[in-house]
N, C-alpha and C. Protein backbone atom coordinates (compact mmCIF):
# COMPACT_ATOMS: atom_id res chain seq x y z
N MET A 1 0.82 -1.18 0.00
CA MET A 1 0.00 0.00 0.00
C MET A 1 0.87 1.24 0.00
N ILE A 2 0.40 2.22 -0.69
CA ILE A 2 1.15 3.47 -0.80
C ILE A 2 1.04 4.27 0.50
N ASP A 3 2.16 4.88 0.89
CA ASP A 3 2.20 5.70 2.09
C ASP A 3 1.95 7.15 1.66
N VAL A 4 0.76 7.64 1.92
CA VAL A 4 0.37 8.98 1.47
C VAL A 4 1.27 10.05 2.08
N THR A 5 1.80 9.81 3.25
CA THR A 5 2.66 10.82 3.88
C THR A 5 3.97 11.00 3.12
N LYS A 6 4.34 10.04 2.29
CA LYS A 6 5.59 10.15 1.52
C LYS A 6 5.36 10.68 0.10
N MET A 7 4.11 10.99 -0.22
CA MET A 7 3.79 11.52 -1.54
C MET A 7 4.08 13.01 -1.58
N ASN A 8 4.49 13.47 -2.75
CA ASN A 8 4.73 14.90 -2.94
C ASN A 8 3.44 15.55 -3.43
N LEU A 9 2.55 15.84 -2.49
CA LEU A 9 1.25 16.42 -2.82
C LEU A 9 1.36 17.94 -2.90
N ARG A 10 0.68 18.50 -3.89
CA ARG A 10 0.55 19.95 -4.00
C ARG A 10 -0.93 20.26 -4.01
N TYR A 11 -1.29 21.39 -3.41
CA TYR A 11 -2.69 21.73 -3.26
C TYR A 11 -3.06 22.98 -4.03
N VAL A 12 -4.28 22.99 -4.53
CA VAL A 12 -4.87 24.18 -5.13
C VAL A 12 -5.81 24.74 -4.07
N THR A 13 -5.63 26.02 -3.77
CA THR A 13 -6.45 26.64 -2.73
C THR A 13 -7.30 27.77 -3.33
N ASP A 14 -8.35 28.09 -2.61
CA ASP A 14 -9.17 29.23 -3.03
C ASP A 14 -8.56 30.52 -2.48
N LYS A 15 -9.22 31.62 -2.68
CA LYS A 15 -8.71 32.93 -2.24
C LYS A 15 -8.55 33.02 -0.73
N LYS A 16 -9.30 32.17 -0.01
CA LYS A 16 -9.21 32.17 1.45
C LYS A 16 -8.13 31.22 1.97
N GLY A 17 -7.46 30.51 1.05
CA GLY A 17 -6.42 29.56 1.45
C GLY A 17 -6.95 28.19 1.80
N ILE A 18 -8.22 27.94 1.51
CA ILE A 18 -8.82 26.64 1.81
C ILE A 18 -8.49 25.67 0.67
N LYS A 19 -7.96 24.51 1.03
CA LYS A 19 -7.59 23.50 0.04
C LYS A 19 -8.83 23.00 -0.69
N LYS A 20 -8.77 23.05 -2.02
CA LYS A 20 -9.91 22.63 -2.84
C LYS A 20 -9.58 21.44 -3.73
N GLU A 21 -8.34 21.31 -4.13
CA GLU A 21 -7.92 20.25 -5.03
C GLU A 21 -6.50 19.83 -4.68
N VAL A 22 -6.13 18.67 -5.18
CA VAL A 22 -4.78 18.16 -4.94
C VAL A 22 -4.12 17.82 -6.27
N ILE A 23 -2.84 18.05 -6.35
CA ILE A 23 -2.06 17.69 -7.53
C ILE A 23 -1.03 16.65 -7.08
N LEU A 24 -0.97 15.53 -7.81
CA LEU A 24 0.00 14.50 -7.50
C LEU A 24 0.54 13.93 -8.80
N SER A 25 1.66 13.25 -8.70
CA SER A 25 2.29 12.68 -9.90
C SER A 25 1.42 11.56 -10.47
N ILE A 26 1.59 11.31 -11.75
CA ILE A 26 0.88 10.21 -12.41
C ILE A 26 1.24 8.90 -11.72
N LYS A 27 2.50 8.73 -11.38
CA LYS A 27 2.96 7.50 -10.72
C LYS A 27 2.20 7.27 -9.41
N ASP A 28 2.11 8.31 -8.59
CA ASP A 28 1.38 8.18 -7.31
C ASP A 28 -0.11 7.97 -7.55
N PHE A 29 -0.67 8.65 -8.54
CA PHE A 29 -2.08 8.49 -8.88
C PHE A 29 -2.37 7.05 -9.28
N GLU A 30 -1.52 6.47 -10.13
CA GLU A 30 -1.71 5.09 -10.56
C GLU A 30 -1.58 4.11 -9.41
N LYS A 31 -0.65 4.39 -8.48
CA LYS A 31 -0.52 3.53 -7.29
C LYS A 31 -1.78 3.59 -6.44
N LEU A 32 -2.34 4.79 -6.28
CA LEU A 32 -3.58 4.92 -5.51
C LEU A 32 -4.72 4.17 -6.17
N LEU A 33 -4.82 4.27 -7.49
CA LEU A 33 -5.87 3.54 -8.20
C LEU A 33 -5.70 2.03 -8.03
N GLU A 34 -4.47 1.56 -8.08
CA GLU A 34 -4.20 0.13 -7.89
C GLU A 34 -4.61 -0.31 -6.49
N ASP A 35 -4.27 0.50 -5.49
CA ASP A 35 -4.66 0.18 -4.12
C ASP A 35 -6.18 0.15 -3.97
N LEU A 36 -6.87 1.11 -4.59
CA LEU A 36 -8.33 1.12 -4.53
C LEU A 36 -8.92 -0.12 -5.17
N GLU A 37 -8.36 -0.53 -6.30
CA GLU A 37 -8.84 -1.73 -6.97
C GLU A 37 -8.62 -2.96 -6.09
N ASP A 38 -7.45 -3.06 -5.47
CA ASP A 38 -7.17 -4.18 -4.57
C ASP A 38 -8.16 -4.21 -3.41
N LEU A 39 -8.45 -3.05 -2.84
CA LEU A 39 -9.39 -2.98 -1.72
C LEU A 39 -10.80 -3.38 -2.17
N ALA A 40 -11.19 -2.97 -3.38
CA ALA A 40 -12.51 -3.33 -3.89
C ALA A 40 -12.62 -4.84 -4.08
N VAL A 41 -11.59 -5.46 -4.62
CA VAL A 41 -11.59 -6.92 -4.82
C VAL A 41 -11.66 -7.62 -3.47
N THR A 42 -10.89 -7.13 -2.51
CA THR A 42 -10.91 -7.71 -1.17
C THR A 42 -12.31 -7.62 -0.56
N ALA A 43 -12.96 -6.48 -0.71
CA ALA A 43 -14.31 -6.31 -0.17
C ALA A 43 -15.29 -7.26 -0.85
N GLU A 44 -15.16 -7.41 -2.17
CA GLU A 44 -16.06 -8.30 -2.91
C GLU A 44 -15.90 -9.76 -2.47
N ARG A 45 -14.70 -10.13 -2.08
CA ARG A 45 -14.41 -11.52 -1.74
C ARG A 45 -14.46 -11.80 -0.24
N ARG A 46 -14.92 -10.83 0.51
CA ARG A 46 -14.91 -10.94 1.97
C ARG A 46 -15.59 -12.20 2.49
N ASP A 47 -16.66 -12.61 1.86
CA ASP A 47 -17.43 -13.75 2.35
C ASP A 47 -17.05 -15.07 1.70
N GLU A 48 -16.06 -15.07 0.82
CA GLU A 48 -15.65 -16.30 0.16
C GLU A 48 -14.91 -17.21 1.14
N GLU A 49 -15.03 -18.49 0.92
CA GLU A 49 -14.34 -19.46 1.75
C GLU A 49 -12.84 -19.39 1.46
N THR A 50 -12.04 -19.51 2.50
CA THR A 50 -10.59 -19.48 2.33
C THR A 50 -10.05 -20.89 2.12
N VAL A 51 -8.88 -20.97 1.49
CA VAL A 51 -8.22 -22.25 1.26
C VAL A 51 -6.79 -22.11 1.78
N ASN A 52 -6.33 -23.09 2.56
CA ASN A 52 -4.98 -22.95 3.11
C ASN A 52 -3.93 -23.22 2.03
N HIS A 53 -2.75 -22.72 2.27
CA HIS A 53 -1.65 -22.74 1.31
C HIS A 53 -1.29 -24.16 0.88
N GLU A 54 -1.24 -25.06 1.81
CA GLU A 54 -0.86 -26.44 1.49
C GLU A 54 -1.85 -27.07 0.51
N ASP A 55 -3.13 -26.81 0.70
CA ASP A 55 -4.15 -27.36 -0.21
C ASP A 55 -4.01 -26.77 -1.61
N VAL A 56 -3.68 -25.50 -1.70
CA VAL A 56 -3.49 -24.87 -3.00
C VAL A 56 -2.31 -25.52 -3.72
N ILE A 57 -1.22 -25.73 -3.01
CA ILE A 57 -0.03 -26.36 -3.61
C ILE A 57 -0.37 -27.76 -4.09
N LYS A 58 -1.07 -28.53 -3.27
CA LYS A 58 -1.46 -29.88 -3.67
C LYS A 58 -2.32 -29.85 -4.94
N GLU A 59 -3.27 -28.94 -4.99
CA GLU A 59 -4.14 -28.84 -6.15
C GLU A 59 -3.36 -28.44 -7.41
N LEU A 60 -2.44 -27.52 -7.28
CA LEU A 60 -1.62 -27.08 -8.42
C LEU A 60 -0.74 -28.22 -8.92
N LYS A 61 -0.19 -28.99 -8.00
CA LYS A 61 0.62 -30.15 -8.39
C LYS A 61 -0.24 -31.22 -9.05
N ARG A 62 -1.41 -31.45 -8.48
CA ARG A 62 -2.33 -32.43 -9.06
C ARG A 62 -2.73 -32.08 -10.49
N ASP A 63 -2.90 -30.77 -10.74
CA ASP A 63 -3.32 -30.29 -12.05
C ASP A 63 -2.13 -30.09 -13.01
N GLY A 64 -0.92 -30.41 -12.54
CA GLY A 64 0.27 -30.30 -13.40
C GLY A 64 0.76 -28.89 -13.59
N ILE A 65 0.31 -27.97 -12.80
CA ILE A 65 0.76 -26.57 -12.92
C ILE A 65 2.10 -26.36 -12.23
N LEU A 66 2.31 -27.08 -11.17
CA LEU A 66 3.60 -27.04 -10.46
C LEU A 66 4.32 -28.35 -10.61
């Protein structure tokens, strides 16, 4: 996950100095979008049954993938 405190954020303010918009690099923007997508997938799969690592390895070997 991206650490927002390490991002080089620049702000657009109104005449009163109130922050209205943020400017960030494309790289940081893309990282944020990736994190949002990961969080959305995690939320969608919240109720799915989990499978332990050993069972996954066995299944992959059985199917000839490993």
